[in-house]
Amino acid sequence: MEDCIFCRIANKKIPTEIIYEDEEILVFPDIKPKAPVHLLLIPKRHIVSLQEVKPGDEKLLARMILAARKVAEKKGLALAGYRLIINNGPDAGQAVPHLHLHLLGGIKLD
């Protein structure tokens, strides 16, 4: 999607600090962090939301969670803990119509 900001980031048309990258996933800081560590994990392939995930995307979702674990360990969050969030749709707070997983940590989350 040419007008999707996350697709543009994934295609390196918008610069960002890349925390982690593989052939299917990109991880970068959230521009409006809600915790000392607030990262976004996105699939490089455009998927609008969790509701748009299709059979066959299970491996991609598992890869996103495993990437979150790897990044959390790298950031020193593994022992104290961290939170993973997927907002699905505007009423749930999904501001960008591209599937993304929030990783929050570095502070006690209530």
N, C-alpha and C. Protein backbone atom coordinates (compact mmCIF):
# COMPACT_ATOMS: atom_id res chain seq x y z
N MET A 1 0.86 -1.19 0.00
CA MET A 1 0.00 0.00 0.00
C MET A 1 0.89 1.24 0.00
N GLU A 2 0.79 2.00 -1.04
CA GLU A 2 1.66 3.16 -1.24
C GLU A 2 1.45 4.24 -0.18
N ASP A 3 0.23 4.42 0.33
CA ASP A 3 -0.03 5.49 1.28
C ASP A 3 0.05 5.03 2.74
N CYS A 4 0.36 3.78 2.99
CA CYS A 4 0.47 3.25 4.36
C CYS A 4 1.83 3.65 4.95
N ILE A 5 1.80 4.35 6.06
CA ILE A 5 3.04 4.82 6.67
C ILE A 5 3.94 3.66 7.09
N PHE A 6 3.35 2.57 7.60
CA PHE A 6 4.18 1.44 8.02
C PHE A 6 4.79 0.71 6.81
N CYS A 7 4.06 0.66 5.71
CA CYS A 7 4.64 0.08 4.48
C CYS A 7 5.80 0.95 3.99
N ARG A 8 5.64 2.25 4.10
CA ARG A 8 6.71 3.15 3.67
C ARG A 8 7.93 3.00 4.57
N ILE A 9 7.71 2.80 5.86
CA ILE A 9 8.83 2.54 6.78
C ILE A 9 9.48 1.21 6.43
N ALA A 10 8.68 0.17 6.21
CA ALA A 10 9.21 -1.16 5.87
C ALA A 10 10.00 -1.14 4.57
N ASN A 11 9.58 -0.28 3.64
CA ASN A 11 10.27 -0.17 2.34
C ASN A 11 11.40 0.85 2.37
N LYS A 12 11.72 1.36 3.56
CA LYS A 12 12.83 2.31 3.78
C LYS A 12 12.62 3.64 3.07
N LYS A 13 11.36 4.01 2.84
CA LYS A 13 11.06 5.32 2.25
C LYS A 13 10.92 6.38 3.32
N ILE A 14 10.71 5.96 4.57
CA ILE A 14 10.69 6.86 5.73
C ILE A 14 11.75 6.32 6.69
N PRO A 15 12.72 7.13 7.06
CA PRO A 15 13.76 6.63 7.95
C PRO A 15 13.26 6.44 9.38
N THR A 16 13.80 5.44 10.03
CA THR A 16 13.53 5.18 11.44
C THR A 16 14.68 4.38 12.01
N GLU A 17 14.77 4.35 13.31
CA GLU A 17 15.76 3.50 13.98
C GLU A 17 15.25 2.06 13.91
N ILE A 18 16.01 1.21 13.31
CA ILE A 18 15.61 -0.20 13.20
C ILE A 18 16.22 -0.96 14.36
N ILE A 19 15.36 -1.53 15.18
CA ILE A 19 15.78 -2.30 16.34
C ILE A 19 16.04 -3.75 15.96
N TYR A 20 15.22 -4.27 15.05
CA TYR A 20 15.34 -5.65 14.60
C TYR A 20 14.71 -5.74 13.22
N GLU A 21 15.29 -6.59 12.38
CA GLU A 21 14.72 -6.80 11.05
C GLU A 21 15.08 -8.19 10.57
N ASP A 22 14.11 -8.84 9.96
CA ASP A 22 14.37 -10.06 9.22
C ASP A 22 13.59 -9.97 7.91
N GLU A 23 13.47 -11.06 7.19
CA GLU A 23 12.83 -10.99 5.88
C GLU A 23 11.33 -10.66 5.94
N GLU A 24 10.69 -10.88 7.09
CA GLU A 24 9.24 -10.65 7.18
C GLU A 24 8.81 -9.59 8.20
N ILE A 25 9.70 -9.22 9.11
CA ILE A 25 9.32 -8.37 10.25
C ILE A 25 10.30 -7.22 10.40
N LEU A 26 9.76 -6.08 10.84
CA LEU A 26 10.57 -4.91 11.16
C LEU A 26 10.14 -4.41 12.54
N VAL A 27 11.11 -4.01 13.35
CA VAL A 27 10.84 -3.49 14.69
C VAL A 27 11.49 -2.12 14.81
N PHE A 28 10.70 -1.16 15.30
CA PHE A 28 11.19 0.21 15.44
C PHE A 28 10.46 0.88 16.60
N PRO A 29 10.99 2.00 17.13
CA PRO A 29 10.36 2.69 18.25
C PRO A 29 9.04 3.35 17.86
N ASP A 30 8.11 3.34 18.80
CA ASP A 30 6.85 4.07 18.64
C ASP A 30 7.15 5.56 18.79
N ILE A 31 6.54 6.40 17.95
CA ILE A 31 6.82 7.84 18.03
C ILE A 31 6.09 8.52 19.19
N LYS A 32 5.11 7.83 19.78
CA LYS A 32 4.40 8.34 20.95
C LYS A 32 4.47 7.28 22.06
N PRO A 33 5.66 7.09 22.65
CA PRO A 33 5.83 6.00 23.61
C PRO A 33 4.99 6.15 24.86
N LYS A 34 4.47 5.02 25.33
CA LYS A 34 3.68 4.94 26.55
C LYS A 34 4.46 4.31 27.69
N ALA A 35 5.72 3.96 27.43
CA ALA A 35 6.61 3.35 28.42
C ALA A 35 8.04 3.66 28.00
N PRO A 36 9.01 3.51 28.91
CA PRO A 36 10.40 3.76 28.53
C PRO A 36 10.85 2.96 27.31
N VAL A 37 10.37 1.74 27.19
CA VAL A 37 10.58 0.96 25.97
C VAL A 37 9.21 0.75 25.34
N HIS A 38 9.01 1.28 24.16
CA HIS A 38 7.75 1.10 23.43
C HIS A 38 8.12 0.92 21.97
N LEU A 39 8.07 -0.32 21.53
CA LEU A 39 8.46 -0.67 20.17
C LEU A 39 7.26 -1.20 19.40
N LEU A 40 7.33 -1.05 18.09
CA LEU A 40 6.31 -1.60 17.20
C LEU A 40 6.93 -2.69 16.36
N LEU A 41 6.25 -3.81 16.28
CA LEU A 41 6.66 -4.92 15.42
C LEU A 41 5.64 -5.01 14.31
N ILE A 42 6.09 -4.91 13.07
CA ILE A 42 5.16 -4.95 11.94
C ILE A 42 5.58 -6.04 10.96
N PRO A 43 4.59 -6.65 10.30
CA PRO A 43 4.95 -7.48 9.16
C PRO A 43 5.30 -6.55 8.00
N LYS A 44 6.28 -6.92 7.21
CA LYS A 44 6.62 -6.09 6.05
C LYS A 44 5.53 -6.14 5.00
N ARG A 45 4.81 -7.25 4.96
CA ARG A 45 3.68 -7.38 4.04
C ARG A 45 2.49 -6.65 4.64
N HIS A 46 1.77 -5.91 3.83
CA HIS A 46 0.63 -5.14 4.33
C HIS A 46 -0.54 -6.06 4.70
N ILE A 47 -0.89 -6.01 5.96
CA ILE A 47 -2.10 -6.64 6.49
C ILE A 47 -2.77 -5.54 7.30
N VAL A 48 -4.00 -5.23 7.02
CA VAL A 48 -4.68 -4.09 7.64
C VAL A 48 -4.78 -4.23 9.15
N SER A 49 -5.23 -5.39 9.61
CA SER A 49 -5.48 -5.57 11.04
C SER A 49 -5.49 -7.06 11.36
N LEU A 50 -5.62 -7.36 12.62
CA LEU A 50 -5.73 -8.76 13.04
C LEU A 50 -6.93 -9.42 12.39
N GLN A 51 -7.97 -8.66 12.17
CA GLN A 51 -9.19 -9.18 11.53
C GLN A 51 -8.94 -9.62 10.09
N GLU A 52 -7.89 -9.10 9.47
CA GLU A 52 -7.56 -9.43 8.08
C GLU A 52 -6.57 -10.60 7.96
N VAL A 53 -6.11 -11.12 9.09
CA VAL A 53 -5.20 -12.26 9.07
C VAL A 53 -5.93 -13.45 8.47
N LYS A 54 -5.25 -14.17 7.60
CA LYS A 54 -5.84 -15.29 6.88
C LYS A 54 -5.21 -16.61 7.32
N PRO A 55 -5.92 -17.74 7.06
CA PRO A 55 -5.26 -19.02 7.27
C PRO A 55 -3.96 -19.04 6.47
N GLY A 56 -2.92 -19.53 7.08
CA GLY A 56 -1.60 -19.50 6.45
C GLY A 56 -0.71 -18.42 7.04
N ASP A 57 -1.31 -17.47 7.77
CA ASP A 57 -0.53 -16.40 8.41
C ASP A 57 -0.07 -16.77 9.82
N GLU A 58 -0.35 -18.00 10.26
CA GLU A 58 0.01 -18.41 11.62
C GLU A 58 1.51 -18.29 11.86
N LYS A 59 2.30 -18.68 10.89
CA LYS A 59 3.76 -18.62 11.05
C LYS A 59 4.24 -17.18 11.19
N LEU A 60 3.63 -16.28 10.44
CA LEU A 60 4.00 -14.88 10.55
C LEU A 60 3.70 -14.35 11.95
N LEU A 61 2.52 -14.66 12.48
CA LEU A 61 2.16 -14.21 13.83
C LEU A 61 3.10 -14.80 14.87
N ALA A 62 3.42 -16.08 14.73
CA ALA A 62 4.37 -16.71 15.65
C ALA A 62 5.74 -16.05 15.54
N ARG A 63 6.17 -15.72 14.34
CA ARG A 63 7.46 -15.05 14.14
C ARG A 63 7.46 -13.68 14.81
N MET A 64 6.32 -12.97 14.75
CA MET A 64 6.24 -11.67 15.41
C MET A 64 6.42 -11.82 16.92
N ILE A 65 5.78 -12.82 17.50
CA ILE A 65 5.89 -13.03 18.95
C ILE A 65 7.31 -13.45 19.32
N LEU A 66 7.91 -14.33 18.53
CA LEU A 66 9.29 -14.74 18.81
C LEU A 66 10.26 -13.58 18.63
N ALA A 67 10.01 -12.72 17.65
CA ALA A 67 10.84 -11.52 17.48
C ALA A 67 10.69 -10.59 18.68
N ALA A 68 9.46 -10.47 19.19
CA ALA A 68 9.23 -9.64 20.38
C ALA A 68 10.03 -10.19 21.56
N ARG A 69 10.04 -11.50 21.71
CA ARG A 69 10.81 -12.12 22.79
C ARG A 69 12.29 -11.81 22.63
N LYS A 70 12.81 -11.95 21.42
CA LYS A 70 14.23 -11.69 21.15
C LYS A 70 14.58 -10.23 21.44
N VAL A 71 13.73 -9.31 21.00
CA VAL A 71 13.98 -7.88 21.22
C VAL A 71 13.88 -7.55 22.71
N ALA A 72 12.91 -8.14 23.40
CA ALA A 72 12.76 -7.90 24.85
C ALA A 72 14.02 -8.36 25.59
N GLU A 73 14.55 -9.50 25.20
CA GLU A 73 15.80 -9.98 25.82
C GLU A 73 16.94 -9.01 25.54
N LYS A 74 17.04 -8.56 24.29
CA LYS A 74 18.09 -7.62 23.89
C LYS A 74 18.00 -6.31 24.67
N LYS A 75 16.77 -5.88 24.96
CA LYS A 75 16.54 -4.62 25.69
C LYS A 75 16.59 -4.80 27.20
N GLY A 76 16.83 -6.03 27.68
CA GLY A 76 16.93 -6.28 29.11
C GLY A 76 15.60 -6.34 29.83
N LEU A 77 14.55 -6.67 29.12
CA LEU A 77 13.21 -6.70 29.70
C LEU A 77 12.74 -8.09 30.11
N ALA A 78 13.46 -9.11 29.71
CA ALA A 78 12.98 -10.48 29.87
C ALA A 78 12.70 -10.85 31.32
N LEU A 79 13.56 -10.48 32.25
CA LEU A 79 13.37 -10.88 33.65
C LEU A 79 12.28 -10.07 34.34
N ALA A 80 12.27 -8.77 34.15
CA ALA A 80 11.28 -7.92 34.82
C ALA A 80 9.90 -8.04 34.18
N GLY A 81 9.88 -8.29 32.87
CA GLY A 81 8.61 -8.46 32.17
C GLY A 81 8.34 -7.35 31.18
N TYR A 82 7.42 -7.65 30.30
CA TYR A 82 7.01 -6.71 29.26
C TYR A 82 5.60 -7.09 28.81
N ARG A 83 4.98 -6.19 28.08
CA ARG A 83 3.61 -6.40 27.62
C ARG A 83 3.58 -6.36 26.10
N LEU A 84 2.78 -7.25 25.52
CA LEU A 84 2.53 -7.26 24.08
C LEU A 84 1.06 -6.94 23.86
N ILE A 85 0.79 -6.02 22.92
CA ILE A 85 -0.58 -5.58 22.65
C ILE A 85 -0.81 -5.52 21.15
N ILE A 86 -1.95 -6.03 20.72
CA ILE A 86 -2.41 -5.82 19.35
C ILE A 86 -3.78 -5.15 19.45
N ASN A 87 -3.89 -3.94 18.93
CA ASN A 87 -5.18 -3.26 18.84
C ASN A 87 -5.79 -3.61 17.49
N ASN A 88 -7.06 -3.94 17.49
CA ASN A 88 -7.74 -4.34 16.25
C ASN A 88 -8.89 -3.39 15.96
N GLY A 89 -8.66 -2.47 15.05
CA GLY A 89 -9.70 -1.53 14.64
C GLY A 89 -9.66 -0.23 15.42
N PRO A 90 -10.31 0.79 14.90
CA PRO A 90 -10.25 2.12 15.51
C PRO A 90 -10.85 2.19 16.91
N ASP A 91 -11.90 1.45 17.20
CA ASP A 91 -12.47 1.49 18.54
C ASP A 91 -11.54 0.89 19.59
N ALA A 92 -10.60 0.06 19.16
CA ALA A 92 -9.63 -0.54 20.07
C ALA A 92 -8.36 0.30 20.17
N GLY A 93 -8.29 1.38 19.39
CA GLY A 93 -7.12 2.25 19.44
C GLY A 93 -6.12 2.03 18.33
N GLN A 94 -6.48 1.25 17.31
CA GLN A 94 -5.56 1.04 16.19
C GLN A 94 -5.55 2.31 15.33
N ALA A 95 -4.45 3.06 15.42
CA ALA A 95 -4.36 4.34 14.71
C ALA A 95 -3.84 4.20 13.29
N VAL A 96 -3.06 3.15 13.03
CA VAL A 96 -2.50 2.94 11.69
C VAL A 96 -3.07 1.64 11.15
N PRO A 97 -3.71 1.68 9.98
CA PRO A 97 -4.31 0.47 9.42
C PRO A 97 -3.28 -0.47 8.79
N HIS A 98 -2.40 -0.97 9.63
CA HIS A 98 -1.40 -1.97 9.26
C HIS A 98 -1.15 -2.75 10.55
N LEU A 99 -1.33 -4.06 10.49
CA LEU A 99 -1.15 -4.89 11.67
C LEU A 99 0.16 -4.56 12.36
N HIS A 100 0.10 -4.36 13.67
CA HIS A 100 1.31 -4.12 14.44
C HIS A 100 1.13 -4.58 15.88
N LEU A 101 2.24 -4.99 16.44
CA LEU A 101 2.30 -5.48 17.81
C LEU A 101 3.11 -4.48 18.62
N HIS A 102 2.53 -4.01 19.72
CA HIS A 102 3.24 -3.10 20.62
C HIS A 102 3.99 -3.93 21.64
N LEU A 103 5.24 -3.57 21.90
CA LEU A 103 6.02 -4.15 22.97
C LEU A 103 6.33 -3.03 23.94
N LEU A 104 5.83 -3.14 25.17
CA LEU A 104 6.05 -2.11 26.18
C LEU A 104 6.77 -2.69 27.38
N GLY A 105 7.70 -1.92 27.94
CA GLY A 105 8.42 -2.37 29.12
C GLY A 105 9.31 -1.28 29.66
N GLY A 106 10.09 -1.66 30.67
CA GLY A 106 11.01 -0.70 31.28
C GLY A 106 10.40 0.04 32.44
N ILE A 107 9.17 -0.32 32.81
CA ILE A 107 8.45 0.29 33.92
C ILE A 107 7.39 -0.71 34.38
N LYS A 108 7.00 -0.63 35.63
CA LYS A 108 5.92 -1.51 36.10
C LYS A 108 4.63 -1.06 35.45
N LEU A 109 3.99 -1.97 34.74
CA LEU A 109 2.75 -1.67 34.02
C LEU A 109 1.56 -2.19 34.82
N ASP A 110 0.62 -1.33 35.10
CA ASP A 110 -0.60 -1.75 35.83
C ASP A 110 -1.69 -2.11 34.86
